[in-house]
Amino acid sequence: MSEFYDKYKETIKKVTRRNYRKRVIWVNEWMGDKSCHYCGESENACLQFYPYDDKIRSLSKRKGLNEDSRKEIVELINQSEVVCANCYLKLDNDLIDIM
């Protein structure tokens, strides 16, 4: 291992964890003032992006926070509806009419 890495190992780990948390928080903050398109639920912990929630959250954890890095994520968000977990399941099982 390099001398630099050995010297700054803990600092690198702290910065990496901090940046990861910032990327996760970014999605949750984006949803901060949103509510379910169908039932109006506004509890952030319940909200998801339909149909791209898994992809948005996965990409968000890996991509940087600058505007260029977030383009693909923002495009997926714009193609999604914000729905609660219950309505997400109903949509997945064709129990809610999308139109």
N, C-alpha and C. Protein backbone atom coordinates (compact mmCIF):
# COMPACT_ATOMS: atom_id res chain seq x y z
N MET A 1 0.83 -1.17 0.00
CA MET A 1 0.00 0.00 0.00
C MET A 1 0.88 1.25 0.00
N SER A 2 0.29 2.30 -0.50
CA SER A 2 1.07 3.52 -0.58
C SER A 2 1.21 4.18 0.78
N GLU A 3 2.26 4.93 0.92
CA GLU A 3 2.52 5.66 2.16
C GLU A 3 1.40 6.68 2.42
N PHE A 4 0.94 7.30 1.36
CA PHE A 4 -0.14 8.29 1.47
C PHE A 4 -1.40 7.63 2.06
N TYR A 5 -1.79 6.49 1.52
CA TYR A 5 -2.99 5.80 2.01
C TYR A 5 -2.83 5.42 3.48
N ASP A 6 -1.69 4.89 3.84
CA ASP A 6 -1.46 4.51 5.24
C ASP A 6 -1.59 5.71 6.16
N LYS A 7 -1.06 6.83 5.72
CA LYS A 7 -1.07 8.04 6.54
C LYS A 7 -2.49 8.60 6.72
N TYR A 8 -3.30 8.54 5.65
CA TYR A 8 -4.62 9.18 5.66
C TYR A 8 -5.79 8.19 5.62
N LYS A 9 -5.52 6.96 5.95
CA LYS A 9 -6.51 5.89 5.86
C LYS A 9 -7.82 6.23 6.57
N GLU A 10 -7.75 6.64 7.82
CA GLU A 10 -8.97 6.96 8.58
C GLU A 10 -9.69 8.17 8.02
N THR A 11 -8.95 9.18 7.61
CA THR A 11 -9.55 10.37 7.02
C THR A 11 -10.28 10.02 5.73
N ILE A 12 -9.68 9.19 4.91
CA ILE A 12 -10.30 8.76 3.65
C ILE A 12 -11.59 8.01 3.94
N LYS A 13 -11.58 7.14 4.95
CA LYS A 13 -12.79 6.39 5.31
C LYS A 13 -13.89 7.32 5.79
N LYS A 14 -13.55 8.30 6.63
CA LYS A 14 -14.54 9.25 7.14
C LYS A 14 -15.16 10.07 6.01
N VAL A 15 -14.33 10.55 5.12
CA VAL A 15 -14.82 11.36 4.00
C VAL A 15 -15.70 10.52 3.08
N THR A 16 -15.32 9.28 2.84
CA THR A 16 -16.10 8.38 2.00
C THR A 16 -17.48 8.13 2.62
N ARG A 17 -17.53 7.86 3.92
CA ARG A 17 -18.81 7.65 4.61
C ARG A 17 -19.67 8.91 4.58
N ARG A 18 -19.04 10.06 4.84
CA ARG A 18 -19.77 11.33 4.83
C ARG A 18 -20.39 11.60 3.45
N ASN A 19 -19.61 11.40 2.40
CA ASN A 19 -20.11 11.64 1.05
C ASN A 19 -21.22 10.66 0.68
N TYR A 20 -21.11 9.42 1.12
CA TYR A 20 -22.15 8.42 0.87
C TYR A 20 -23.45 8.87 1.53
N ARG A 21 -23.37 9.29 2.79
CA ARG A 21 -24.57 9.76 3.51
C ARG A 21 -25.18 10.96 2.81
N LYS A 22 -24.37 11.87 2.31
CA LYS A 22 -24.88 13.05 1.60
C LYS A 22 -25.65 12.63 0.34
N ARG A 23 -25.15 11.61 -0.35
CA ARG A 23 -25.82 11.15 -1.57
C ARG A 23 -27.16 10.51 -1.25
N VAL A 24 -27.22 9.76 -0.15
CA VAL A 24 -28.47 9.13 0.28
C VAL A 24 -29.46 10.20 0.73
N ILE A 25 -28.99 11.16 1.49
CA ILE A 25 -29.84 12.24 2.00
C ILE A 25 -30.41 13.08 0.87
N TRP A 26 -29.66 13.24 -0.20
CA TRP A 26 -30.10 14.06 -1.34
C TRP A 26 -31.47 13.61 -1.85
N VAL A 27 -31.67 12.31 -2.01
CA VAL A 27 -32.95 11.78 -2.50
C VAL A 27 -34.06 12.07 -1.48
N ASN A 28 -33.78 11.83 -0.22
CA ASN A 28 -34.79 12.07 0.81
C ASN A 28 -35.15 13.55 0.92
N GLU A 29 -34.17 14.42 0.77
CA GLU A 29 -34.46 15.85 0.80
C GLU A 29 -35.30 16.26 -0.41
N TRP A 30 -35.03 15.65 -1.56
CA TRP A 30 -35.80 15.97 -2.76
C TRP A 30 -37.28 15.65 -2.54
N MET A 31 -37.55 14.59 -1.78
CA MET A 31 -38.92 14.18 -1.50
C MET A 31 -39.55 14.93 -0.33
N GLY A 32 -38.80 15.79 0.31
CA GLY A 32 -39.24 16.45 1.53
C GLY A 32 -40.60 17.11 1.48
N ASP A 33 -40.96 17.72 0.37
CA ASP A 33 -42.24 18.42 0.28
C ASP A 33 -43.23 17.72 -0.65
N LYS A 34 -42.95 16.46 -0.95
CA LYS A 34 -43.81 15.69 -1.86
C LYS A 34 -44.83 14.87 -1.08
N SER A 35 -45.83 14.41 -1.80
CA SER A 35 -46.82 13.51 -1.22
C SER A 35 -47.26 12.52 -2.30
N CYS A 36 -47.91 11.45 -1.88
CA CYS A 36 -48.35 10.40 -2.80
C CYS A 36 -49.32 10.98 -3.82
N HIS A 37 -49.07 10.65 -5.06
CA HIS A 37 -49.90 11.12 -6.17
C HIS A 37 -51.35 10.65 -6.04
N TYR A 38 -51.56 9.51 -5.42
CA TYR A 38 -52.89 8.91 -5.36
C TYR A 38 -53.63 9.16 -4.05
N CYS A 39 -52.96 9.00 -2.92
CA CYS A 39 -53.69 9.10 -1.65
C CYS A 39 -53.29 10.30 -0.80
N GLY A 40 -52.22 10.99 -1.19
CA GLY A 40 -51.81 12.18 -0.47
C GLY A 40 -50.88 11.96 0.71
N GLU A 41 -50.49 10.72 0.98
CA GLU A 41 -49.55 10.42 2.08
C GLU A 41 -48.29 11.27 1.91
N SER A 42 -47.84 11.92 2.98
CA SER A 42 -46.67 12.79 2.86
C SER A 42 -45.50 12.39 3.76
N GLU A 43 -45.65 11.30 4.51
CA GLU A 43 -44.55 10.83 5.37
C GLU A 43 -43.40 10.37 4.47
N ASN A 44 -42.28 11.05 4.57
CA ASN A 44 -41.13 10.80 3.70
C ASN A 44 -40.69 9.34 3.71
N ALA A 45 -40.74 8.68 4.85
CA ALA A 45 -40.30 7.28 4.95
C ALA A 45 -41.18 6.34 4.13
N CYS A 46 -42.38 6.76 3.80
CA CYS A 46 -43.32 5.92 3.05
C CYS A 46 -43.24 6.14 1.54
N LEU A 47 -42.61 7.21 1.11
CA LEU A 47 -42.66 7.60 -0.30
C LEU A 47 -41.61 6.91 -1.15
N GLN A 48 -42.01 6.62 -2.39
CA GLN A 48 -41.14 5.97 -3.36
C GLN A 48 -41.39 6.58 -4.73
N PHE A 49 -40.47 6.31 -5.65
CA PHE A 49 -40.62 6.74 -7.04
C PHE A 49 -41.16 5.56 -7.84
N TYR A 50 -42.31 5.74 -8.47
CA TYR A 50 -42.86 4.65 -9.28
C TYR A 50 -42.61 4.97 -10.74
N PRO A 51 -42.01 4.11 -11.51
CA PRO A 51 -41.60 2.72 -11.25
C PRO A 51 -40.10 2.56 -11.01
N TYR A 52 -39.35 3.65 -10.84
CA TYR A 52 -37.88 3.57 -10.85
C TYR A 52 -37.23 3.73 -9.48
N ASP A 53 -37.91 3.46 -8.39
CA ASP A 53 -37.36 3.70 -7.06
C ASP A 53 -36.04 2.98 -6.83
N ASP A 54 -35.97 1.70 -7.11
CA ASP A 54 -34.74 0.94 -6.87
C ASP A 54 -33.58 1.50 -7.68
N LYS A 55 -33.82 1.81 -8.93
CA LYS A 55 -32.77 2.32 -9.80
C LYS A 55 -32.30 3.71 -9.35
N ILE A 56 -33.25 4.57 -8.99
CA ILE A 56 -32.92 5.92 -8.53
C ILE A 56 -32.07 5.85 -7.27
N ARG A 57 -32.49 5.05 -6.32
CA ARG A 57 -31.76 4.97 -5.05
C ARG A 57 -30.39 4.31 -5.23
N SER A 58 -30.30 3.32 -6.10
CA SER A 58 -29.02 2.66 -6.36
C SER A 58 -28.05 3.64 -7.03
N LEU A 59 -28.51 4.32 -8.07
CA LEU A 59 -27.65 5.28 -8.77
C LEU A 59 -27.24 6.43 -7.85
N SER A 60 -28.17 6.86 -7.04
CA SER A 60 -27.91 7.99 -6.15
C SER A 60 -26.78 7.69 -5.17
N LYS A 61 -26.66 6.45 -4.76
CA LYS A 61 -25.61 6.06 -3.81
C LYS A 61 -24.23 6.04 -4.48
N ARG A 62 -24.21 5.87 -5.80
CA ARG A 62 -22.94 5.74 -6.51
C ARG A 62 -22.49 7.01 -7.20
N LYS A 63 -23.42 7.85 -7.60
CA LYS A 63 -23.08 9.05 -8.37
C LYS A 63 -22.74 10.21 -7.45
N GLY A 64 -21.94 11.14 -7.96
CA GLY A 64 -21.59 12.33 -7.20
C GLY A 64 -22.78 13.27 -7.05
N LEU A 65 -22.56 14.36 -6.35
CA LEU A 65 -23.64 15.31 -6.08
C LEU A 65 -23.67 16.48 -7.05
N ASN A 66 -22.70 16.57 -7.95
CA ASN A 66 -22.73 17.70 -8.88
C ASN A 66 -23.81 17.48 -9.94
N GLU A 67 -24.18 18.54 -10.59
CA GLU A 67 -25.31 18.52 -11.52
C GLU A 67 -25.13 17.52 -12.66
N ASP A 68 -23.93 17.45 -13.22
CA ASP A 68 -23.68 16.51 -14.32
C ASP A 68 -23.83 15.05 -13.88
N SER A 69 -23.35 14.74 -12.68
CA SER A 69 -23.45 13.38 -12.17
C SER A 69 -24.89 12.98 -11.90
N ARG A 70 -25.72 13.95 -11.60
CA ARG A 70 -27.11 13.69 -11.22
C ARG A 70 -28.09 13.68 -12.39
N LYS A 71 -27.62 13.97 -13.60
CA LYS A 71 -28.52 14.07 -14.76
C LYS A 71 -29.38 12.83 -14.95
N GLU A 72 -28.77 11.66 -14.96
CA GLU A 72 -29.51 10.41 -15.18
C GLU A 72 -30.55 10.19 -14.07
N ILE A 73 -30.16 10.50 -12.84
CA ILE A 73 -31.07 10.33 -11.71
C ILE A 73 -32.25 11.29 -11.83
N VAL A 74 -31.98 12.55 -12.16
CA VAL A 74 -33.04 13.55 -12.29
C VAL A 74 -33.99 13.16 -13.43
N GLU A 75 -33.45 12.62 -14.52
CA GLU A 75 -34.31 12.17 -15.62
C GLU A 75 -35.24 11.06 -15.16
N LEU A 76 -34.72 10.10 -14.40
CA LEU A 76 -35.55 9.01 -13.88
C LEU A 76 -36.60 9.55 -12.91
N ILE A 77 -36.22 10.50 -12.07
CA ILE A 77 -37.18 11.12 -11.14
C ILE A 77 -38.30 11.79 -11.93
N ASN A 78 -37.93 12.50 -12.99
CA ASN A 78 -38.94 13.20 -13.80
C ASN A 78 -39.87 12.25 -14.54
N GLN A 79 -39.42 11.02 -14.77
CA GLN A 79 -40.25 10.01 -15.44
C GLN A 79 -41.07 9.20 -14.43
N SER A 80 -40.92 9.51 -13.16
CA SER A 80 -41.58 8.74 -12.10
C SER A 80 -42.67 9.56 -11.43
N GLU A 81 -43.55 8.84 -10.75
CA GLU A 81 -44.53 9.47 -9.88
C GLU A 81 -44.13 9.18 -8.45
N VAL A 82 -44.34 10.14 -7.57
CA VAL A 82 -44.10 9.92 -6.15
C VAL A 82 -45.36 9.27 -5.59
N VAL A 83 -45.18 8.09 -5.02
CA VAL A 83 -46.31 7.35 -4.44
C VAL A 83 -45.87 6.76 -3.10
N CYS A 84 -46.85 6.46 -2.25
CA CYS A 84 -46.54 5.81 -0.98
C CYS A 84 -46.32 4.31 -1.24
N ALA A 85 -45.80 3.63 -0.24
CA ALA A 85 -45.51 2.20 -0.38
C ALA A 85 -46.77 1.39 -0.70
N ASN A 86 -47.90 1.76 -0.08
CA ASN A 86 -49.14 1.04 -0.35
C ASN A 86 -49.58 1.21 -1.80
N CYS A 87 -49.58 2.44 -2.27
CA CYS A 87 -50.00 2.68 -3.65
C CYS A 87 -49.01 2.09 -4.65
N TYR A 88 -47.72 2.04 -4.28
CA TYR A 88 -46.72 1.40 -5.13
C TYR A 88 -47.08 -0.07 -5.36
N LEU A 89 -47.41 -0.75 -4.26
CA LEU A 89 -47.81 -2.16 -4.37
C LEU A 89 -49.08 -2.31 -5.20
N LYS A 90 -50.03 -1.41 -5.00
CA LYS A 90 -51.28 -1.47 -5.77
C LYS A 90 -51.00 -1.24 -7.25
N LEU A 91 -50.13 -0.30 -7.57
CA LEU A 91 -49.77 -0.06 -8.98
C LEU A 91 -49.08 -1.28 -9.58
N ASP A 92 -48.18 -1.88 -8.83
CA ASP A 92 -47.46 -3.08 -9.31
C ASP A 92 -48.42 -4.24 -9.57
N ASN A 93 -49.51 -4.28 -8.87
CA ASN A 93 -50.48 -5.37 -9.03
C ASN A 93 -51.74 -4.95 -9.79
N ASP A 94 -51.62 -3.86 -10.51
CA ASP A 94 -52.72 -3.34 -11.36
C ASP A 94 -54.01 -3.13 -10.59
N LEU A 95 -53.90 -2.67 -9.35
CA LEU A 95 -55.08 -2.38 -8.55
C LEU A 95 -55.45 -0.90 -8.60
N ILE A 96 -54.54 -0.09 -9.18
CA ILE A 96 -54.81 1.34 -9.40
C ILE A 96 -54.67 1.60 -10.88
N ASP A 97 -55.61 2.32 -11.44
CA ASP A 97 -55.53 2.69 -12.85
C ASP A 97 -54.57 3.86 -12.99
N ILE A 98 -53.52 3.68 -13.76
CA ILE A 98 -52.48 4.71 -13.93
C ILE A 98 -53.02 5.93 -14.65
N MET A 99 -53.90 5.76 -15.55
CA MET A 99 -54.42 6.91 -16.30
C MET A 99 -55.40 7.62 -15.49
